[in-house]
Amino acid sequence: MRLDNSKKSLWALMGICFLMCIALMIIGLFSYLVKGWLIWDFDKPFPFGKEEIITILKISVLGLPAGIVFWIFGIR
């Protein structure tokens, strides 16, 4: 860990947080689609609605603190 490096870019912070949010959103979307596919009865509509989308968006917000931790401690 290099905590003494004071020349860290804020662009890097925003990029890391954005990419972490996107990655968590993709993982959440994939997991809900697989879950919906496994429990889907073909006579009914696909079980994926607003509640699942809101949950995925809530989970993707966790990319912000994760990105900040990666940025502060220089995790690669």
N, C-alpha and C. Protein backbone atom coordinates (compact mmCIF):
# COMPACT_ATOMS: atom_id res chain seq x y z
N MET A 1 0.83 -1.17 0.00
CA MET A 1 0.00 0.00 0.00
C MET A 1 0.88 1.23 0.00
N ARG A 2 0.50 2.17 -0.83
CA ARG A 2 1.24 3.43 -0.89
C ARG A 2 0.31 4.55 -0.46
N LEU A 3 0.27 4.82 0.83
CA LEU A 3 -0.60 5.87 1.33
C LEU A 3 0.05 7.24 1.23
N ASP A 4 1.36 7.30 0.92
CA ASP A 4 2.05 8.58 0.86
C ASP A 4 1.96 9.24 -0.51
N ASN A 5 1.38 8.60 -1.48
CA ASN A 5 1.26 9.17 -2.82
C ASN A 5 0.13 10.19 -2.83
N SER A 6 0.47 11.48 -2.96
CA SER A 6 -0.55 12.52 -2.91
C SER A 6 -1.01 12.95 -4.29
N LYS A 7 -0.47 12.38 -5.35
CA LYS A 7 -0.83 12.78 -6.71
C LYS A 7 -1.77 11.76 -7.33
N LYS A 8 -2.89 11.56 -6.70
CA LYS A 8 -3.88 10.65 -7.26
C LYS A 8 -4.91 11.47 -8.01
N SER A 9 -5.25 11.01 -9.16
CA SER A 9 -6.17 11.73 -10.03
C SER A 9 -7.62 11.48 -9.63
N LEU A 10 -8.41 12.55 -9.64
CA LEU A 10 -9.84 12.39 -9.38
C LEU A 10 -10.53 11.73 -10.56
N TRP A 11 -9.96 11.87 -11.76
CA TRP A 11 -10.50 11.16 -12.93
C TRP A 11 -10.38 9.66 -12.73
N ALA A 12 -9.27 9.24 -12.13
CA ALA A 12 -9.10 7.81 -11.86
C ALA A 12 -10.14 7.33 -10.85
N LEU A 13 -10.42 8.17 -9.84
CA LEU A 13 -11.43 7.82 -8.85
C LEU A 13 -12.80 7.67 -9.50
N MET A 14 -13.17 8.62 -10.33
CA MET A 14 -14.47 8.55 -11.00
C MET A 14 -14.53 7.35 -11.95
N GLY A 15 -13.44 7.08 -12.64
CA GLY A 15 -13.40 5.93 -13.55
C GLY A 15 -13.54 4.61 -12.83
N ILE A 16 -12.82 4.47 -11.72
CA ILE A 16 -12.90 3.23 -10.95
C ILE A 16 -14.31 3.04 -10.39
N CYS A 17 -14.89 4.09 -9.82
CA CYS A 17 -16.25 3.98 -9.27
C CYS A 17 -17.26 3.66 -10.37
N PHE A 18 -17.14 4.30 -11.52
CA PHE A 18 -18.06 4.04 -12.63
C PHE A 18 -17.94 2.60 -13.10
N LEU A 19 -16.72 2.13 -13.28
CA LEU A 19 -16.53 0.76 -13.76
C LEU A 19 -17.00 -0.27 -12.74
N MET A 20 -16.81 0.02 -11.45
CA MET A 20 -17.30 -0.91 -10.42
C MET A 20 -18.83 -0.95 -10.44
N CYS A 21 -19.47 0.20 -10.61
CA CYS A 21 -20.94 0.24 -10.68
C CYS A 21 -21.45 -0.55 -11.89
N ILE A 22 -20.80 -0.37 -13.03
CA ILE A 22 -21.21 -1.09 -14.24
C ILE A 22 -21.01 -2.59 -14.06
N ALA A 23 -19.87 -2.99 -13.48
CA ALA A 23 -19.61 -4.41 -13.27
C ALA A 23 -20.64 -5.04 -12.34
N LEU A 24 -20.96 -4.35 -11.24
CA LEU A 24 -21.98 -4.88 -10.33
C LEU A 24 -23.36 -4.94 -10.97
N MET A 25 -23.65 -3.97 -11.84
CA MET A 25 -24.94 -3.98 -12.53
C MET A 25 -25.02 -5.17 -13.49
N ILE A 26 -23.95 -5.45 -14.20
CA ILE A 26 -23.95 -6.58 -15.14
C ILE A 26 -24.07 -7.90 -14.39
N ILE A 27 -23.34 -8.03 -13.28
CA ILE A 27 -23.41 -9.26 -12.49
C ILE A 27 -24.82 -9.45 -11.92
N GLY A 28 -25.41 -8.38 -11.40
CA GLY A 28 -26.77 -8.46 -10.86
C GLY A 28 -27.79 -8.80 -11.92
N LEU A 29 -27.68 -8.16 -13.08
CA LEU A 29 -28.60 -8.44 -14.17
C LEU A 29 -28.49 -9.89 -14.62
N PHE A 30 -27.28 -10.38 -14.77
CA PHE A 30 -27.07 -11.76 -15.19
C PHE A 30 -27.65 -12.73 -14.16
N SER A 31 -27.42 -12.46 -12.87
CA SER A 31 -27.92 -13.39 -11.84
C SER A 31 -29.45 -13.40 -11.81
N TYR A 32 -30.09 -12.23 -11.96
CA TYR A 32 -31.55 -12.21 -11.96
C TYR A 32 -32.12 -12.86 -13.22
N LEU A 33 -31.45 -12.70 -14.35
CA LEU A 33 -31.93 -13.37 -15.56
C LEU A 33 -31.80 -14.88 -15.46
N VAL A 34 -30.71 -15.36 -14.88
CA VAL A 34 -30.54 -16.81 -14.70
C VAL A 34 -31.59 -17.33 -13.72
N LYS A 35 -31.81 -16.60 -12.63
CA LYS A 35 -32.83 -17.02 -11.66
C LYS A 35 -34.22 -17.05 -12.31
N GLY A 36 -34.53 -16.02 -13.08
CA GLY A 36 -35.82 -15.97 -13.76
C GLY A 36 -35.98 -17.08 -14.78
N TRP A 37 -34.90 -17.39 -15.46
CA TRP A 37 -34.95 -18.46 -16.46
C TRP A 37 -35.17 -19.81 -15.80
N LEU A 38 -34.56 -20.02 -14.63
CA LEU A 38 -34.68 -21.31 -13.95
C LEU A 38 -36.08 -21.53 -13.37
N ILE A 39 -36.78 -20.47 -12.95
CA ILE A 39 -38.09 -20.66 -12.33
C ILE A 39 -39.23 -20.33 -13.27
N TRP A 40 -38.93 -20.05 -14.52
CA TRP A 40 -39.93 -19.59 -15.47
C TRP A 40 -40.85 -20.73 -15.89
N ASP A 41 -42.15 -20.50 -15.75
CA ASP A 41 -43.16 -21.39 -16.30
C ASP A 41 -43.54 -20.81 -17.66
N PHE A 42 -43.42 -21.60 -18.72
CA PHE A 42 -43.57 -21.09 -20.08
C PHE A 42 -44.97 -20.57 -20.39
N ASP A 43 -45.94 -20.92 -19.57
CA ASP A 43 -47.31 -20.45 -19.80
C ASP A 43 -47.54 -19.04 -19.24
N LYS A 44 -46.59 -18.53 -18.45
CA LYS A 44 -46.72 -17.21 -17.82
C LYS A 44 -45.64 -16.27 -18.37
N PRO A 45 -45.81 -14.96 -18.19
CA PRO A 45 -44.77 -14.03 -18.65
C PRO A 45 -43.48 -14.20 -17.84
N PHE A 46 -42.39 -13.70 -18.40
CA PHE A 46 -41.08 -13.85 -17.76
C PHE A 46 -41.06 -13.11 -16.42
N PRO A 47 -40.60 -13.75 -15.34
CA PRO A 47 -40.66 -13.16 -13.99
C PRO A 47 -39.54 -12.16 -13.74
N PHE A 48 -39.59 -11.01 -14.37
CA PHE A 48 -38.57 -9.98 -14.19
C PHE A 48 -39.26 -8.64 -14.30
N GLY A 49 -39.32 -7.91 -13.20
CA GLY A 49 -40.10 -6.67 -13.19
C GLY A 49 -39.34 -5.50 -12.60
N LYS A 50 -40.12 -4.50 -12.18
CA LYS A 50 -39.53 -3.27 -11.65
C LYS A 50 -38.78 -3.51 -10.35
N GLU A 51 -39.27 -4.41 -9.52
CA GLU A 51 -38.61 -4.67 -8.24
C GLU A 51 -37.20 -5.19 -8.44
N GLU A 52 -37.01 -6.08 -9.40
CA GLU A 52 -35.69 -6.62 -9.67
C GLU A 52 -34.75 -5.55 -10.21
N ILE A 53 -35.27 -4.67 -11.07
CA ILE A 53 -34.43 -3.60 -11.63
C ILE A 53 -34.00 -2.64 -10.53
N ILE A 54 -34.91 -2.30 -9.62
CA ILE A 54 -34.57 -1.42 -8.50
C ILE A 54 -33.53 -2.08 -7.61
N THR A 55 -33.66 -3.37 -7.35
CA THR A 55 -32.67 -4.09 -6.54
C THR A 55 -31.31 -4.09 -7.20
N ILE A 56 -31.25 -4.30 -8.51
CA ILE A 56 -29.99 -4.29 -9.24
C ILE A 56 -29.34 -2.90 -9.16
N LEU A 57 -30.14 -1.85 -9.28
CA LEU A 57 -29.59 -0.49 -9.18
C LEU A 57 -29.08 -0.19 -7.78
N LYS A 58 -29.78 -0.69 -6.76
CA LYS A 58 -29.30 -0.50 -5.38
C LYS A 58 -27.98 -1.21 -5.16
N ILE A 59 -27.85 -2.41 -5.69
CA ILE A 59 -26.60 -3.16 -5.55
C ILE A 59 -25.47 -2.48 -6.32
N SER A 60 -25.78 -1.90 -7.47
CA SER A 60 -24.73 -1.27 -8.27
C SER A 60 -24.17 -0.02 -7.60
N VAL A 61 -24.93 0.60 -6.70
CA VAL A 61 -24.44 1.78 -5.97
C VAL A 61 -23.29 1.39 -5.04
N LEU A 62 -23.19 0.12 -4.67
CA LEU A 62 -22.07 -0.33 -3.84
C LEU A 62 -20.73 -0.21 -4.56
N GLY A 63 -20.75 0.05 -5.86
CA GLY A 63 -19.51 0.27 -6.59
C GLY A 63 -18.82 1.56 -6.18
N LEU A 64 -19.57 2.53 -5.68
CA LEU A 64 -18.97 3.80 -5.24
C LEU A 64 -18.02 3.60 -4.05
N PRO A 65 -18.46 3.01 -2.93
CA PRO A 65 -17.50 2.82 -1.84
C PRO A 65 -16.38 1.84 -2.20
N ALA A 66 -16.69 0.84 -3.00
CA ALA A 66 -15.65 -0.11 -3.41
C ALA A 66 -14.60 0.60 -4.26
N GLY A 67 -15.02 1.46 -5.17
CA GLY A 67 -14.08 2.22 -5.99
C GLY A 67 -13.23 3.16 -5.17
N ILE A 68 -13.84 3.79 -4.16
CA ILE A 68 -13.07 4.69 -3.29
C ILE A 68 -12.02 3.92 -2.51
N VAL A 69 -12.37 2.75 -2.00
CA VAL A 69 -11.40 1.92 -1.27
C VAL A 69 -10.26 1.50 -2.20
N PHE A 70 -10.58 1.09 -3.42
CA PHE A 70 -9.54 0.71 -4.38
C PHE A 70 -8.63 1.90 -4.70
N TRP A 71 -9.22 3.09 -4.80
CA TRP A 71 -8.45 4.28 -5.14
C TRP A 71 -7.54 4.72 -4.00
N ILE A 72 -8.06 4.70 -2.77
CA ILE A 72 -7.27 5.15 -1.62
C ILE A 72 -6.10 4.23 -1.36
N PHE A 73 -6.33 2.92 -1.37
CA PHE A 73 -5.29 1.99 -1.01
C PHE A 73 -4.47 1.51 -2.20
N GLY A 74 -4.77 1.96 -3.37
CA GLY A 74 -3.98 1.61 -4.55
C GLY A 74 -4.02 0.14 -4.90
N ILE A 75 -5.18 -0.49 -4.77
CA ILE A 75 -5.32 -1.91 -5.06
C ILE A 75 -5.35 -2.09 -6.56
N ARG A 76 -4.55 -3.03 -7.05
CA ARG A 76 -4.52 -3.30 -8.50
C ARG A 76 -4.80 -4.74 -8.79
